Protein backbone atom coordinates (compact mmCIF):
# COMPACT_ATOMS: atom_id res chain seq x y z
CA UNK A 1 55.34 72.81 17.72
CA UNK A 2 57.92 70.04 17.43
CA UNK A 3 57.09 66.59 16.13
CA UNK A 4 57.30 65.10 19.61
CA UNK A 5 54.82 67.65 20.96
CA UNK A 6 52.39 66.89 18.15
CA UNK A 7 52.49 63.17 18.91
CA UNK A 8 52.15 63.78 22.67
CA UNK A 9 49.15 65.99 21.98
CA UNK A 10 47.67 63.32 19.71
CA UNK A 11 48.23 60.65 22.37
CA UNK A 12 46.52 62.90 24.90
CA UNK A 13 43.56 63.26 22.53
CA UNK A 14 43.32 59.47 22.17
CA UNK A 15 43.36 59.12 25.96
CA UNK A 16 40.67 61.77 26.29
CA UNK A 17 38.49 59.89 23.81
CA UNK A 18 38.97 56.68 25.80
CA UNK A 19 38.02 58.48 29.03
CA UNK A 20 35.00 60.01 27.35
CA UNK A 21 33.93 56.59 26.10
CA UNK A 22 34.12 55.16 29.62
CA UNK A 23 32.01 57.98 31.02
CA UNK A 24 29.44 57.69 28.25
CA UNK A 25 29.15 53.93 28.71
CA UNK A 26 28.58 54.40 32.45
CA UNK A 27 25.89 56.97 31.72
CA UNK A 28 24.30 54.61 29.20
CA UNK A 29 24.20 51.83 31.75
CA UNK A 30 22.57 54.16 34.27
CA UNK A 31 19.98 55.30 31.72
CA UNK A 32 19.09 51.72 30.80
CA UNK A 33 18.97 50.72 34.46
CA UNK A 34 16.76 53.71 35.23
CA UNK A 35 14.40 52.80 32.41
CA UNK A 36 14.23 49.24 33.74
CA UNK A 37 13.43 50.44 37.26
CA UNK A 38 10.84 52.84 35.89
CA UNK A 39 9.26 49.98 33.97
CA UNK A 40 8.97 47.95 37.18
CA UNK A 41 7.04 50.69 38.98
CA UNK A 42 3.35 49.93 38.68
CA UNK A 43 2.30 53.58 38.57
CA UNK A 44 4.75 54.65 35.86
CA UNK A 45 3.41 55.67 32.50
CA UNK A 46 4.34 53.74 29.37
CA UNK A 47 5.37 57.01 27.70
CA UNK A 48 7.87 57.75 30.48
CA UNK A 49 9.55 54.38 29.95
CA UNK A 50 9.67 54.94 26.18
CA UNK A 51 11.17 58.40 26.69
CA UNK A 52 13.83 56.94 28.99
CA UNK A 53 14.69 54.30 26.40
CA UNK A 54 14.88 56.94 23.66
CA UNK A 55 17.39 58.90 25.73
CA UNK A 56 19.47 55.76 26.19
CA UNK A 57 19.22 55.03 22.46
CA UNK A 58 20.44 58.55 21.56
CA UNK A 59 23.37 58.14 23.91
CA UNK A 60 24.06 54.74 22.32
CA UNK A 61 24.39 56.46 18.94
CA UNK A 62 26.89 58.91 20.41
CA UNK A 63 28.84 56.01 21.94
CA UNK A 64 28.98 54.30 18.54
CA UNK A 65 30.45 57.48 17.01
CA UNK A 66 33.06 57.80 19.77
CA UNK A 67 34.02 54.12 19.31
CA UNK A 68 34.49 54.70 15.58
CA UNK A 69 36.59 57.82 16.21
CA UNK A 70 38.66 56.09 18.89
CA UNK A 71 39.26 53.10 16.64
CA UNK A 72 40.56 55.33 13.87
CA UNK A 73 42.69 57.47 16.18
CA UNK A 74 44.16 54.39 17.87
CA UNK A 75 45.03 52.91 14.49
CA UNK A 76 47.03 55.98 13.48
CA UNK A 77 48.77 56.19 16.84
CA UNK A 78 49.64 52.50 16.51
CA UNK A 79 51.08 53.19 13.06
CA UNK A 80 53.22 55.96 14.56
CA UNK A 81 54.53 53.52 17.20
CA UNK A 82 55.30 50.89 14.55
CA UNK A 83 57.20 53.37 12.40
CA UNK A 84 59.13 54.63 15.40
CA UNK A 85 59.99 51.06 16.43
CA UNK A 86 61.25 50.17 12.98
CA UNK A 87 63.48 53.26 12.90
CA UNK A 88 64.86 52.46 16.35
CA UNK A 89 65.57 48.88 15.25
CA UNK A 90 67.56 50.18 12.28
CA UNK A 91 69.61 52.60 14.38
CA UNK A 92 70.41 50.38 17.36
CA UNK A 93 73.27 47.95 17.14
CA UNK A 94 72.73 44.65 18.93
CA UNK A 95 76.38 44.37 19.91
CA UNK A 96 76.33 47.67 21.77
CA UNK A 97 73.20 46.63 23.68
CA UNK A 98 74.75 43.28 24.63
CA UNK A 99 77.92 45.06 25.77
CA UNK A 100 75.84 47.46 27.87
CA UNK A 101 73.91 44.58 29.49
CA UNK A 102 77.10 42.64 30.21
CA UNK A 103 78.72 45.70 31.79
CA UNK A 104 75.64 46.25 33.94
CA UNK A 105 75.72 42.59 35.09
CA UNK A 106 79.43 42.78 35.91
CA UNK A 107 78.89 46.02 37.82
CA UNK A 108 76.23 44.42 40.04
CA UNK A 109 78.48 41.50 41.01
C-alpha cells in the first residue's frame, strides 16, 4: 500500500471515530433522558431508575475512551498535515505562483 493510501485510510479511521462519537453521544443523551422520564413516573421503581443511570454511566465511560482515542488520532493526522505543508512550502516557488495568478487574471480580462 502506498504512503498516500495509508494516510487516506488513517483519515478514514479518524472520520469513523468522529462518527462513532456522535452516535454514542446521541445514545447517551437518550439514555439520560429516558432515565429522567422514568424517574418522573410515579409508579416506576427506584431500582429501574438506578439501572438506567448505570447504563448511561457505562456508555459515558466508553465515550470518554473514544474521545481519548480520537484526540490522539487527530493529533497525529494534524502532524502529518503540518509536515506535508512544510514540505510543500519548501518546494513551491513564490514567483511561479505569482506568475500563474497573473496569467490567470490576464486570461479572464
